[in-house]
Amino acid sequence: MEIGFRFKIFSLSLAFAAVLNILLWLITWFKFPPSDIPYAIRYSILSGADIFGTQNTLLVLPTLGSAMLIINGLLAFLLRKKEAFLSYVFLVMSVIVQLFLLIALFGLLKFNGQI
């Protein structure tokens, strides 16, 4: 019974992180269409927008999220039998990374007037 419960936690954590990553890809793709007008990538309170880029530059966020999800998921899978706690730490960190990337993306949406 305990093994089934652990597998459910493992699967649900990985699935939740994957759904957040898919959401990252969809928001980036549809809210930042290819355009001749550059998007603000970095915004400072003192100087305003100071680094600009295209949609390809913004696609770094979901790409980074996908890479972290794959690496953390693979490490969690490899460590699940030997170090169960460490496996869960990797899974939780996958979810946290996706959440922080979503927060950063919503900040970019706000600064670029997309919200």
PDB file of N, CA and C in Angstrom:
ATOM      1  N   MET A   1       0.817  -1.202   0.000  1.00  0.00           N
ATOM      2  CA  MET A   1       0.000   0.000   0.000  1.00  0.00           C
ATOM      3  C   MET A   1       0.859   1.263   0.000  1.00  0.00           C
ATOM      4  N   GLU A   2       1.936   1.228   0.768  1.00  0.00           N
ATOM      5  CA  GLU A   2       2.796   2.395   0.858  1.00  0.00           C
ATOM      6  C   GLU A   2       3.504   2.670  -0.462  1.00  0.00           C
ATOM      7  N   ILE A   3       3.872   1.637  -1.191  1.00  0.00           N
ATOM      8  CA  ILE A   3       4.547   1.818  -2.479  1.00  0.00           C
ATOM      9  C   ILE A   3       3.602   2.488  -3.477  1.00  0.00           C
ATOM     10  N   GLY A   4       2.332   2.083  -3.471  1.00  0.00           N
ATOM     11  CA  GLY A   4       1.353   2.705  -4.357  1.00  0.00           C
ATOM     12  C   GLY A   4       1.153   4.171  -4.027  1.00  0.00           C
ATOM     13  N   PHE A   5       1.135   4.498  -2.727  1.00  0.00           N
ATOM     14  CA  PHE A   5       0.980   5.884  -2.303  1.00  0.00           C
ATOM     15  C   PHE A   5       2.182   6.718  -2.734  1.00  0.00           C
ATOM     16  N   ARG A   6       3.382   6.161  -2.576  1.00  0.00           N
ATOM     17  CA  ARG A   6       4.591   6.874  -2.998  1.00  0.00           C
ATOM     18  C   ARG A   6       4.594   7.105  -4.509  1.00  0.00           C
ATOM     19  N   PHE A   7       4.156   6.116  -5.265  1.00  0.00           N
ATOM     20  CA  PHE A   7       4.110   6.263  -6.714  1.00  0.00           C
ATOM     21  C   PHE A   7       3.107   7.336  -7.120  1.00  0.00           C
ATOM     22  N   LYS A   8       1.975   7.419  -6.391  1.00  0.00           N
ATOM     23  CA  LYS A   8       0.985   8.463  -6.694  1.00  0.00           C
ATOM     24  C   LYS A   8       1.564   9.847  -6.444  1.00  0.00           C
ATOM     25  N   ILE A   9       2.263  10.013  -5.320  1.00  0.00           N
ATOM     26  CA  ILE A   9       2.879  11.310  -5.034  1.00  0.00           C
ATOM     27  C   ILE A   9       3.903  11.644  -6.108  1.00  0.00           C
ATOM     28  N   PHE A  10       4.713  10.672  -6.469  1.00  0.00           N
ATOM     29  CA  PHE A  10       5.726  10.856  -7.513  1.00  0.00           C
ATOM     30  C   PHE A  10       5.065  11.270  -8.825  1.00  0.00           C
ATOM     31  N   SER A  11       4.050  10.531  -9.226  1.00  0.00           N
ATOM     32  CA  SER A  11       3.373  10.799 -10.500  1.00  0.00           C
ATOM     33  C   SER A  11       2.654  12.136 -10.491  1.00  0.00           C
ATOM     34  N   LEU A  12       1.954  12.441  -9.396  1.00  0.00           N
ATOM     35  CA  LEU A  12       1.204  13.694  -9.327  1.00  0.00           C
ATOM     36  C   LEU A  12       2.135  14.899  -9.316  1.00  0.00           C
ATOM     37  N   SER A  13       3.238  14.816  -8.602  1.00  0.00           N
ATOM     38  CA  SER A  13       4.187  15.931  -8.581  1.00  0.00           C
ATOM     39  C   SER A  13       4.772  16.176  -9.962  1.00  0.00           C
ATOM     40  N   LEU A  14       5.157  15.110 -10.615  1.00  0.00           N
ATOM     41  CA  LEU A  14       5.728  15.234 -11.956  1.00  0.00           C
ATOM     42  C   LEU A  14       4.678  15.748 -12.946  1.00  0.00           C
ATOM     43  N   ALA A  15       3.454  15.275 -12.826  1.00  0.00           N
ATOM     44  CA  ALA A  15       2.386  15.723 -13.719  1.00  0.00           C
ATOM     45  C   ALA A  15       2.057  17.193 -13.489  1.00  0.00           C
ATOM     46  N   PHE A  16       2.028  17.619 -12.227  1.00  0.00           N
ATOM     47  CA  PHE A  16       1.730  19.023 -11.919  1.00  0.00           C
ATOM     48  C   PHE A  16       2.813  19.937 -12.476  1.00  0.00           C
ATOM     49  N   ALA A  17       4.077  19.543 -12.317  1.00  0.00           N
ATOM     50  CA  ALA A  17       5.176  20.334 -12.871  1.00  0.00           C
ATOM     51  C   ALA A  17       5.095  20.370 -14.397  1.00  0.00           C
ATOM     52  N   ALA A  18       4.733  19.255 -15.012  1.00  0.00           N
ATOM     53  CA  ALA A  18       4.609  19.209 -16.474  1.00  0.00           C
ATOM     54  C   ALA A  18       3.469  20.107 -16.955  1.00  0.00           C
ATOM     55  N   VAL A  19       2.355  20.125 -16.248  1.00  0.00           N
ATOM     56  CA  VAL A  19       1.229  20.992 -16.622  1.00  0.00           C
ATOM     57  C   VAL A  19       1.636  22.463 -16.508  1.00  0.00           C
ATOM     58  N   LEU A  20       2.363  22.807 -15.452  1.00  0.00           N
ATOM     59  CA  LEU A  20       2.838  24.180 -15.311  1.00  0.00           C
ATOM     60  C   LEU A  20       3.788  24.548 -16.443  1.00  0.00           C
ATOM     61  N   ASN A  21       4.637  23.616 -16.856  1.00  0.00           N
ATOM     62  CA  ASN A  21       5.559  23.883 -17.948  1.00  0.00           C
ATOM     63  C   ASN A  21       4.814  24.048 -19.269  1.00  0.00           C
ATOM     64  N   ILE A  22       3.821  23.241 -19.502  1.00  0.00           N
ATOM     65  CA  ILE A  22       3.005  23.396 -20.716  1.00  0.00           C
ATOM     66  C   ILE A  22       2.304  24.744 -20.708  1.00  0.00           C
ATOM     67  N   LEU A  23       1.833  25.162 -19.548  1.00  0.00           N
ATOM     68  CA  LEU A  23       1.217  26.482 -19.413  1.00  0.00           C
ATOM     69  C   LEU A  23       2.221  27.584 -19.746  1.00  0.00           C
ATOM     70  N   LEU A  24       3.459  27.420 -19.296  1.00  0.00           N
ATOM     71  CA  LEU A  24       4.519  28.373 -19.641  1.00  0.00           C
ATOM     72  C   LEU A  24       4.693  28.488 -21.153  1.00  0.00           C
ATOM     73  N   TRP A  25       4.771  27.346 -21.818  1.00  0.00           N
ATOM     74  CA  TRP A  25       4.937  27.350 -23.273  1.00  0.00           C
ATOM     75  C   TRP A  25       3.760  28.028 -23.965  1.00  0.00           C
ATOM     76  N   LEU A  26       2.541  27.697 -23.546  1.00  0.00           N
ATOM     77  CA  LEU A  26       1.353  28.259 -24.199  1.00  0.00           C
ATOM     78  C   LEU A  26       1.250  29.763 -23.998  1.00  0.00           C
ATOM     79  N   ILE A  27       1.482  30.222 -22.776  1.00  0.00           N
ATOM     80  CA  ILE A  27       1.397  31.659 -22.517  1.00  0.00           C
ATOM     81  C   ILE A  27       2.460  32.404 -23.307  1.00  0.00           C
ATOM     82  N   THR A  28       3.676  31.885 -23.301  1.00  0.00           N
ATOM     83  CA  THR A  28       4.747  32.561 -24.038  1.00  0.00           C
ATOM     84  C   THR A  28       4.449  32.591 -25.535  1.00  0.00           C
ATOM     85  N   TRP A  29       3.972  31.495 -26.067  1.00  0.00           N
ATOM     86  CA  TRP A  29       3.731  31.427 -27.513  1.00  0.00           C
ATOM     87  C   TRP A  29       2.575  32.320 -27.952  1.00  0.00           C
ATOM     88  N   PHE A  30       1.478  32.335 -27.177  1.00  0.00           N
ATOM     89  CA  PHE A  30       0.294  33.074 -27.614  1.00  0.00           C
ATOM     90  C   PHE A  30       0.258  34.524 -27.157  1.00  0.00           C
ATOM     91  N   LYS A  31       0.868  34.843 -26.035  1.00  0.00           N
ATOM     92  CA  LYS A  31       0.853  36.225 -25.555  1.00  0.00           C
ATOM     93  C   LYS A  31       1.987  37.065 -26.136  1.00  0.00           C
ATOM     94  N   PHE A  32       3.038  36.416 -26.607  1.00  0.00           N
ATOM     95  CA  PHE A  32       4.160  37.117 -27.217  1.00  0.00           C
ATOM     96  C   PHE A  32       4.354  36.612 -28.642  1.00  0.00           C
ATOM     97  N   PRO A  33       3.489  37.032 -29.565  1.00  0.00           N
ATOM     98  CA  PRO A  33       3.623  36.545 -30.944  1.00  0.00           C
ATOM     99  C   PRO A  33       4.876  37.126 -31.606  1.00  0.00           C
ATOM    100  N   PRO A  34       5.349  36.481 -32.679  1.00  0.00           N
ATOM    101  CA  PRO A  34       6.492  37.056 -33.411  1.00  0.00           C
ATOM    102  C   PRO A  34       6.138  38.456 -33.899  1.00  0.00           C
ATOM    103  N   SER A  35       7.041  39.394 -33.657  1.00  0.00           N
ATOM    104  CA  SER A  35       6.745  40.782 -33.969  1.00  0.00           C
ATOM    105  C   SER A  35       8.031  41.529 -34.314  1.00  0.00           C
ATOM    106  N   ASP A  36       7.883  42.617 -35.079  1.00  0.00           N
ATOM    107  CA  ASP A  36       9.030  43.478 -35.368  1.00  0.00           C
ATOM    108  C   ASP A  36       9.345  44.386 -34.188  1.00  0.00           C
ATOM    109  N   ILE A  37       8.360  44.601 -33.338  1.00  0.00           N
ATOM    110  CA  ILE A  37       8.549  45.438 -32.158  1.00  0.00           C
ATOM    111  C   ILE A  37       9.162  44.577 -31.054  1.00  0.00           C
ATOM    112  N   PRO A  38      10.307  44.993 -30.499  1.00  0.00           N
ATOM    113  CA  PRO A  38      10.936  44.162 -29.460  1.00  0.00           C
ATOM    114  C   PRO A  38      10.155  44.219 -28.145  1.00  0.00           C
ATOM    115  N   TYR A  39      10.273  43.143 -27.384  1.00  0.00           N
ATOM    116  CA  TYR A  39       9.650  43.056 -26.072  1.00  0.00           C
ATOM    117  C   TYR A  39      10.667  43.417 -25.001  1.00  0.00           C
ATOM    118  N   ALA A  40      10.172  44.025 -23.913  1.00  0.00           N
ATOM    119  CA  ALA A  40      11.043  44.328 -22.777  1.00  0.00           C
ATOM    120  C   ALA A  40      11.354  43.021 -22.059  1.00  0.00           C
ATOM    121  N   ILE A  41      12.633  42.730 -21.893  1.00  0.00           N
ATOM    122  CA  ILE A  41      13.063  41.506 -21.234  1.00  0.00           C
ATOM    123  C   ILE A  41      13.412  41.780 -19.773  1.00  0.00           C
ATOM    124  N   ARG A  42      14.016  42.934 -19.517  1.00  0.00           N
ATOM    125  CA  ARG A  42      14.365  43.303 -18.151  1.00  0.00           C
ATOM    126  C   ARG A  42      13.829  44.694 -17.877  1.00  0.00           C
ATOM    127  N   TYR A  43      13.261  44.863 -16.687  1.00  0.00           N
ATOM    128  CA  TYR A  43      12.668  46.129 -16.298  1.00  0.00           C
ATOM    129  C   TYR A  43      13.242  46.530 -14.957  1.00  0.00           C
ATOM    130  N   SER A  44      13.668  47.775 -14.864  1.00  0.00           N
ATOM    131  CA  SER A  44      14.207  48.305 -13.619  1.00  0.00           C
ATOM    132  C   SER A  44      13.344  49.483 -13.184  1.00  0.00           C
ATOM    133  N   ILE A  45      13.132  49.593 -11.903  1.00  0.00           N
ATOM    134  CA  ILE A  45      12.322  50.700 -11.371  1.00  0.00           C
ATOM    135  C   ILE A  45      12.990  52.035 -11.676  1.00  0.00           C
ATOM    136  N   LEU A  46      14.304  52.080 -11.596  1.00  0.00           N
ATOM    137  CA  LEU A  46      15.016  53.341 -11.780  1.00  0.00           C
ATOM    138  C   LEU A  46      15.093  53.771 -13.238  1.00  0.00           C
ATOM    139  N   SER A  47      15.333  52.837 -14.147  1.00  0.00           N
ATOM    140  CA  SER A  47      15.550  53.232 -15.537  1.00  0.00           C
ATOM    141  C   SER A  47      14.505  52.701 -16.507  1.00  0.00           C
ATOM    142  N   GLY A  48      13.544  51.932 -16.031  1.00  0.00           N
ATOM    143  CA  GLY A  48      12.534  51.365 -16.918  1.00  0.00           C
ATOM    144  C   GLY A  48      13.080  50.149 -17.651  1.00  0.00           C
ATOM    145  N   ALA A  49      12.534  49.891 -18.821  1.00  0.00           N
ATOM    146  CA  ALA A  49      12.978  48.742 -19.613  1.00  0.00           C
ATOM    147  C   ALA A  49      14.350  49.044 -20.196  1.00  0.00           C
ATOM    148  N   ASP A  50      15.307  48.142 -19.977  1.00  0.00           N
ATOM    149  CA  ASP A  50      16.654  48.401 -20.473  1.00  0.00           C
ATOM    150  C   ASP A  50      17.233  47.266 -21.317  1.00  0.00           C
ATOM    151  N   ILE A  51      16.586  46.103 -21.350  1.00  0.00           N
ATOM    152  CA  ILE A  51      17.007  45.026 -22.233  1.00  0.00           C
ATOM    153  C   ILE A  51      15.787  44.572 -23.028  1.00  0.00           C
ATOM    154  N   PHE A  52      15.946  44.518 -24.345  1.00  0.00           N
ATOM    155  CA  PHE A  52      14.841  44.158 -25.220  1.00  0.00           C
ATOM    156  C   PHE A  52      15.200  42.912 -26.021  1.00  0.00           C
ATOM    157  N   GLY A  53      14.166  42.181 -26.461  1.00  0.00           N
ATOM    158  CA  GLY A  53      14.411  40.992 -27.258  1.00  0.00           C
ATOM    159  C   GLY A  53      13.167  40.579 -28.026  1.00  0.00           C
ATOM    160  N   THR A  54      13.308  39.511 -28.785  1.00  0.00           N
ATOM    161  CA  THR A  54      12.215  38.999 -29.611  1.00  0.00           C
ATOM    162  C   THR A  54      11.513  37.849 -28.889  1.00  0.00           C
ATOM    163  N   GLN A  55      10.576  37.233 -29.589  1.00  0.00           N
ATOM    164  CA  GLN A  55       9.885  36.080 -29.028  1.00  0.00           C
ATOM    165  C   GLN A  55      10.860  34.947 -28.742  1.00  0.00           C
ATOM    166  N   ASN A  56      11.863  34.786 -29.599  1.00  0.00           N
ATOM    167  CA  ASN A  56      12.858  33.735 -29.389  1.00  0.00           C
ATOM    168  C   ASN A  56      13.599  33.929 -28.065  1.00  0.00           C
ATOM    169  N   THR A  57      13.873  35.178 -27.713  1.00  0.00           N
ATOM    170  CA  THR A  57      14.529  35.462 -26.437  1.00  0.00           C
ATOM    171  C   THR A  57      13.619  35.066 -25.276  1.00  0.00           C
ATOM    172  N   LEU A  58      12.338  35.321 -25.423  1.00  0.00           N
ATOM    173  CA  LEU A  58      11.391  34.991 -24.359  1.00  0.00           C
ATOM    174  C   LEU A  58      11.160  33.488 -24.231  1.00  0.00           C
ATOM    175  N   LEU A  59      11.405  32.752 -25.294  1.00  0.00           N
ATOM    176  CA  LEU A  59      11.232  31.298 -25.241  1.00  0.00           C
ATOM    177  C   LEU A  59      12.304  30.613 -24.400  1.00  0.00           C
ATOM    178  N   VAL A  60      13.269  31.378 -23.910  1.00  0.00           N
ATOM    179  CA  VAL A  60      14.277  30.828 -23.012  1.00  0.00           C
ATOM    180  C   VAL A  60      13.617  30.383 -21.697  1.00  0.00           C
ATOM    181  N   LEU A  61      12.613  31.117 -21.228  1.00  0.00           N
ATOM    182  CA  LEU A  61      11.949  30.749 -19.964  1.00  0.00           C
ATOM    183  C   LEU A  61      11.328  29.353 -20.012  1.00  0.00           C
ATOM    184  N   PRO A  62      10.447  29.061 -20.959  1.00  0.00           N
ATOM    185  CA  PRO A  62       9.892  27.704 -20.974  1.00  0.00           C
ATOM    186  C   PRO A  62      10.927  26.630 -21.322  1.00  0.00           C
ATOM    187  N   THR A  63      11.945  26.990 -22.115  1.00  0.00           N
ATOM    188  CA  THR A  63      12.992  26.023 -22.424  1.00  0.00           C
ATOM    189  C   THR A  63      13.779  25.670 -21.170  1.00  0.00           C
ATOM    190  N   LEU A  64      14.097  26.681 -20.383  1.00  0.00           N
ATOM    191  CA  LEU A  64      14.780  26.452 -19.117  1.00  0.00           C
ATOM    192  C   LEU A  64      13.913  25.610 -18.176  1.00  0.00           C
ATOM    193  N   GLY A  65      12.626  25.910 -18.154  1.00  0.00           N
ATOM    194  CA  GLY A  65      11.706  25.120 -17.330  1.00  0.00           C
ATOM    195  C   GLY A  65      11.637  23.670 -17.775  1.00  0.00           C
ATOM    196  N   SER A  66      11.620  23.436 -19.081  1.00  0.00           N
ATOM    197  CA  SER A  66      11.594  22.060 -19.597  1.00  0.00           C
ATOM    198  C   SER A  66      12.867  21.311 -19.236  1.00  0.00           C
ATOM    199  N   ALA A  67      14.007  21.992 -19.369  1.00  0.00           N
ATOM    200  CA  ALA A  67      15.280  21.351 -19.029  1.00  0.00           C
ATOM    201  C   ALA A  67      15.331  20.988 -17.549  1.00  0.00           C
ATOM    202  N   MET A  68      14.887  21.905 -16.702  1.00  0.00           N
ATOM    203  CA  MET A  68      14.888  21.627 -15.258  1.00  0.00           C
ATOM    204  C   MET A  68      13.917  20.497 -14.919  1.00  0.00           C
ATOM    205  N   LEU A  69      12.791  20.463 -15.585  1.00  0.00           N
ATOM    206  CA  LEU A  69      11.812  19.398 -15.350  1.00  0.00           C
ATOM    207  C   LEU A  69      12.386  18.040 -15.747  1.00  0.00           C
ATOM    208  N   ILE A  70      13.036  17.976 -16.891  1.00  0.00           N
ATOM    209  CA  ILE A  70      13.613  16.706 -17.344  1.00  0.00           C
ATOM    210  C   ILE A  70      14.737  16.261 -16.414  1.00  0.00           C
ATOM    211  N   ILE A  71      15.635  17.176 -16.068  1.00  0.00           N
ATOM    212  CA  ILE A  71      16.760  16.815 -15.203  1.00  0.00           C
ATOM    213  C   ILE A  71      16.276  16.395 -13.819  1.00  0.00           C
ATOM    214  N   ASN A  72      15.405  17.200 -13.210  1.00  0.00           N
ATOM    215  CA  ASN A  72      14.904  16.861 -11.873  1.00  0.00           C
ATOM    216  C   ASN A  72      14.059  15.595 -11.897  1.00  0.00           C
ATOM    217  N   GLY A  73      13.253  15.421 -12.926  1.00  0.00           N
ATOM    218  CA  GLY A  73      12.446  14.203 -13.032  1.00  0.00           C
ATOM    219  C   GLY A  73      13.303  12.960 -13.187  1.00  0.00           C
ATOM    220  N   LEU A  74      14.347  13.070 -13.996  1.00  0.00           N
ATOM    221  CA  LEU A  74      15.256  11.942 -14.187  1.00  0.00           C
ATOM    222  C   LEU A  74      16.011  11.613 -12.896  1.00  0.00           C
ATOM    223  N   LEU A  75      16.509  12.646 -12.218  1.00  0.00           N
ATOM    224  CA  LEU A  75      17.203  12.414 -10.951  1.00  0.00           C
ATOM    225  C   LEU A  75      16.268  11.826  -9.894  1.00  0.00           C
ATOM    226  N   ALA A  76      15.041  12.332  -9.849  1.00  0.00           N
ATOM    227  CA  ALA A  76      14.075  11.793  -8.884  1.00  0.00           C
ATOM    228  C   ALA A  76      13.755  10.339  -9.193  1.00  0.00           C
ATOM    229  N   PHE A  77      13.633  10.010 -10.465  1.00  0.00           N
ATOM    230  CA  PHE A  77      13.341   8.633 -10.854  1.00  0.00           C
ATOM    231  C   PHE A  77      14.501   7.694 -10.499  1.00  0.00           C
ATOM    232  N   LEU A  78      15.722   8.155 -10.736  1.00  0.00           N
ATOM    233  CA  LEU A  78      16.887   7.322 -10.444  1.00  0.00           C
ATOM    234  C   LEU A  78      17.110   7.137  -8.948  1.00  0.00           C
ATOM    235  N   LEU A  79      16.714   8.124  -8.145  1.00  0.00           N
ATOM    236  CA  LEU A  79      16.959   8.063  -6.705  1.00  0.00           C
ATOM    237  C   LEU A  79      15.764   7.564  -5.903  1.00  0.00           C
ATOM    238  N   ARG A  80      14.657   7.234  -6.542  1.00  0.00           N
ATOM    239  CA  ARG A  80      13.428   6.928  -5.814  1.00  0.00           C
ATOM    240  C   ARG A  80      13.538   5.707  -4.910  1.00  0.00           C
ATOM    241  N   LYS A  81      14.366   4.740  -5.246  1.00  0.00           N
ATOM    242  CA  LYS A  81      14.486   3.535  -4.416  1.00  0.00           C
ATOM    243  C   LYS A  81      15.556   3.682  -3.344  1.00  0.00           C
ATOM    244  N   LYS A  82      16.657   4.351  -3.679  1.00  0.00           N
ATOM    245  CA  LYS A  82      17.764   4.500  -2.733  1.00  0.00           C
ATOM    246  C   LYS A  82      17.513   5.624  -1.735  1.00  0.00           C
ATOM    247  N   GLU A  83      17.137   6.772  -2.244  1.00  0.00           N
ATOM    248  CA  GLU A  83      16.930   7.967  -1.411  1.00  0.00           C
ATOM    249  C   GLU A  83      15.557   8.548  -1.726  1.00  0.00           C
ATOM    250  N   ALA A  84      14.537   8.016  -1.083  1.00  0.00           N
ATOM    251  CA  ALA A  84      13.169   8.451  -1.368  1.00  0.00           C
ATOM    252  C   ALA A  84      12.965   9.925  -1.035  1.00  0.00           C
ATOM    253  N   PHE A  85      13.521  10.375   0.093  1.00  0.00           N
ATOM    254  CA  PHE A  85      13.338  11.769   0.489  1.00  0.00           C
ATOM    255  C   PHE A  85      13.970  12.710  -0.531  1.00  0.00           C
ATOM    256  N   LEU A  86      15.179  12.394  -0.965  1.00  0.00           N
ATOM    257  CA  LEU A  86      15.856  13.228  -1.956  1.00  0.00           C
ATOM    258  C   LEU A  86      15.094  13.230  -3.278  1.00  0.00           C
ATOM    259  N   SER A  87      14.485  12.126  -3.603  1.00  0.00           N
ATOM    260  CA  SER A  87      13.666  12.041  -4.804  1.00  0.00           C
ATOM    261  C   SER A  87      12.500  13.027  -4.731  1.00  0.00           C
ATOM    262  N   TYR A  88      11.849  13.097  -3.562  1.00  0.00           N
ATOM    263  CA  TYR A  88      10.734  14.036  -3.385  1.00  0.00           C
ATOM    264  C   TYR A  88      11.219  15.487  -3.405  1.00  0.00           C
ATOM    265  N   VAL A  89      12.420  15.717  -2.891  1.00  0.00           N
ATOM    266  CA  VAL A  89      12.980  17.074  -2.938  1.00  0.00           C
ATOM    267  C   VAL A  89      13.149  17.519  -4.394  1.00  0.00           C
ATOM    268  N   PHE A  90      13.671  16.646  -5.235  1.00  0.00           N
ATOM    269  CA  PHE A  90      13.820  16.989  -6.657  1.00  0.00           C
ATOM    270  C   PHE A  90      12.465  17.260  -7.305  1.00  0.00           C
ATOM    271  N   LEU A  91      11.461  16.477  -6.949  1.00  0.00           N
ATOM    272  CA  LEU A  91      10.133  16.686  -7.534  1.00  0.00           C
ATOM    273  C   LEU A  91       9.519  18.004  -7.076  1.00  0.00           C
ATOM    274  N   VAL A  92       9.646  18.298  -5.797  1.00  0.00           N
ATOM    275  CA  VAL A  92       9.097  19.555  -5.280  1.00  0.00           C
ATOM    276  C   VAL A  92       9.838  20.741  -5.894  1.00  0.00           C
ATOM    277  N   MET A  93      11.141  20.598  -6.069  1.00  0.00           N
ATOM    278  CA  MET A  93      11.903  21.682  -6.694  1.00  0.00           C
ATOM    279  C   MET A  93      11.482  21.896  -8.151  1.00  0.00           C
ATOM    280  N   SER A  94      11.088  20.842  -8.824  1.00  0.00           N
ATOM    281  CA  SER A  94      10.576  20.993 -10.193  1.00  0.00           C
ATOM    282  C   SER A  94       9.327  21.863 -10.215  1.00  0.00           C
ATOM    283  N   VAL A  95       8.440  21.614  -9.280  1.00  0.00           N
ATOM    284  CA  VAL A  95       7.211  22.414  -9.199  1.00  0.00           C
ATOM    285  C   VAL A  95       7.543  23.857  -8.831  1.00  0.00           C
ATOM    286  N   ILE A  96       8.442  24.046  -7.871  1.00  0.00           N
ATOM    287  CA  ILE A  96       8.804  25.400  -7.441  1.00  0.00           C
ATOM    288  C   ILE A  96       9.471  26.177  -8.576  1.00  0.00           C
ATOM    289  N   VAL A  97      10.340  25.541  -9.327  1.00  0.00           N
ATOM    290  CA  VAL A  97      10.992  26.203 -10.472  1.00  0.00           C
ATOM    291  C   VAL A  97       9.941  26.645 -11.489  1.00  0.00           C
ATOM    292  N   GLN A  98       8.987  25.775 -11.778  1.00  0.00           N
ATOM    293  CA  GLN A  98       7.935  26.126 -12.743  1.00  0.00           C
ATOM    294  C   GLN A  98       7.104  27.303 -12.232  1.00  0.00           C
ATOM    295  N   LEU A  99       6.810  27.315 -10.939  1.00  0.00           N
ATOM    296  CA  LEU A  99       6.032  28.424 -10.372  1.00  0.00           C
ATOM    297  C   LEU A  99       6.799  29.741 -10.464  1.00  0.00           C
ATOM    298  N   PHE A 100       8.095  29.728 -10.141  1.00  0.00           N
ATOM    299  CA  PHE A 100       8.892  30.949 -10.247  1.00  0.00           C
ATOM    300  C   PHE A 100       9.001  31.424 -11.693  1.00  0.00           C
ATOM    301  N   LEU A 101       9.123  30.513 -12.625  1.00  0.00           N
ATOM    302  CA  LEU A 101       9.174  30.909 -14.036  1.00  0.00           C
ATOM    303  C   LEU A 101       7.841  31.500 -14.482  1.00  0.00           C
ATOM    304  N   LEU A 102       6.729  30.952 -13.981  1.00  0.00           N
ATOM    305  CA  LEU A 102       5.416  31.541 -14.295  1.00  0.00           C
ATOM    306  C   LEU A 102       5.289  32.945 -13.719  1.00  0.00           C
ATOM    307  N   ILE A 103       5.780  33.154 -12.508  1.00  0.00           N
ATOM    308  CA  ILE A 103       5.751  34.491 -11.901  1.00  0.00           C
ATOM    309  C   ILE A 103       6.578  35.461 -12.739  1.00  0.00           C
ATOM    310  N   ALA A 104       7.759  35.030 -13.173  1.00  0.00           N
ATOM    311  CA  ALA A 104       8.595  35.882 -14.026  1.00  0.00           C
ATOM    312  C   ALA A 104       7.900  36.195 -15.345  1.00  0.00           C
ATOM    313  N   LEU A 105       7.229  35.206 -15.910  1.00  0.00           N
ATOM    314  CA  LEU A 105       6.524  35.415 -17.178  1.00  0.00           C
ATOM    315  C   LEU A 105       5.370  36.396 -17.008  1.00  0.00           C
ATOM    316  N   PHE A 106       4.651  36.305 -15.893  1.00  0.00           N
ATOM    317  CA  PHE A 106       3.564  37.253 -15.668  1.00  0.00           C
ATOM    318  C   PHE A 106       4.102  38.665 -15.451  1.00  0.00           C
ATOM    319  N   GLY A 107       5.276  38.787 -14.846  1.00  0.00           N
ATOM    320  CA  GLY A 107       5.918  40.094 -14.745  1.00  0.00           C
ATOM    321  C   GLY A 107       6.243  40.655 -16.119  1.00  0.00           C
ATOM    322  N   LEU A 108       6.765  39.812 -17.002  1.00  0.00           N
ATOM    323  CA  LEU A 108       7.051  40.253 -18.372  1.00  0.00           C
ATOM    324  C   LEU A 108       5.776  40.624 -19.119  1.00  0.00           C
ATOM    325  N   LEU A 109       4.716  39.874 -18.872  1.00  0.00           N
ATOM    326  CA  LEU A 109       3.436  40.219 -19.502  1.00  0.00           C
ATOM    327  C   LEU A 109       2.970  41.598 -19.048  1.00  0.00           C
ATOM    328  N   LYS A 110       3.101  41.870 -17.765  1.00  0.00           N
ATOM    329  CA  LYS A 110       2.661  43.153 -17.232  1.00  0.00           C
ATOM    330  C   LYS A 110       3.519  44.294 -17.786  1.00  0.00           C
ATOM    331  N   PHE A 111       4.838  44.109 -17.801  1.00  0.00           N
ATOM    332  CA  PHE A 111       5.723  45.177 -18.281  1.00  0.00           C
ATOM    333  C   PHE A 111       5.534  45.464 -19.762  1.00  0.00           C
ATOM    334  N   ASN A 112       5.157  44.468 -20.524  1.00  0.00           N
ATOM    335  CA  ASN A 112       4.964  44.648 -21.963  1.00  0.00           C
ATOM    336  C   ASN A 112       3.526  45.007 -22.323  1.00  0.00           C
ATOM    337  N   GLY A 113       2.680  45.217 -21.338  1.00  0.00           N
ATOM    338  CA  GLY A 113       1.308  45.619 -21.599  1.00  0.00           C
ATOM    339  C   GLY A 113       0.446  44.542 -22.193  1.00  0.00           C
ATOM    340  N   GLN A 114       0.777  43.278 -21.967  1.00  0.00           N
ATOM    341  CA  GLN A 114       0.019  42.171 -22.526  1.00  0.00           C
ATOM    342  C   GLN A 114      -1.125  41.734 -21.609  1.00  0.00           C
ATOM    343  N   ILE A 115      -1.135  42.232 -20.380  1.00  0.00           N
ATOM    344  CA  ILE A 115      -2.225  41.864 -19.453  1.00  0.00           C
ATOM    345  C   ILE A 115      -3.231  42.984 -19.412  1.00  0.00           C
TER     346      ILE A 115
END
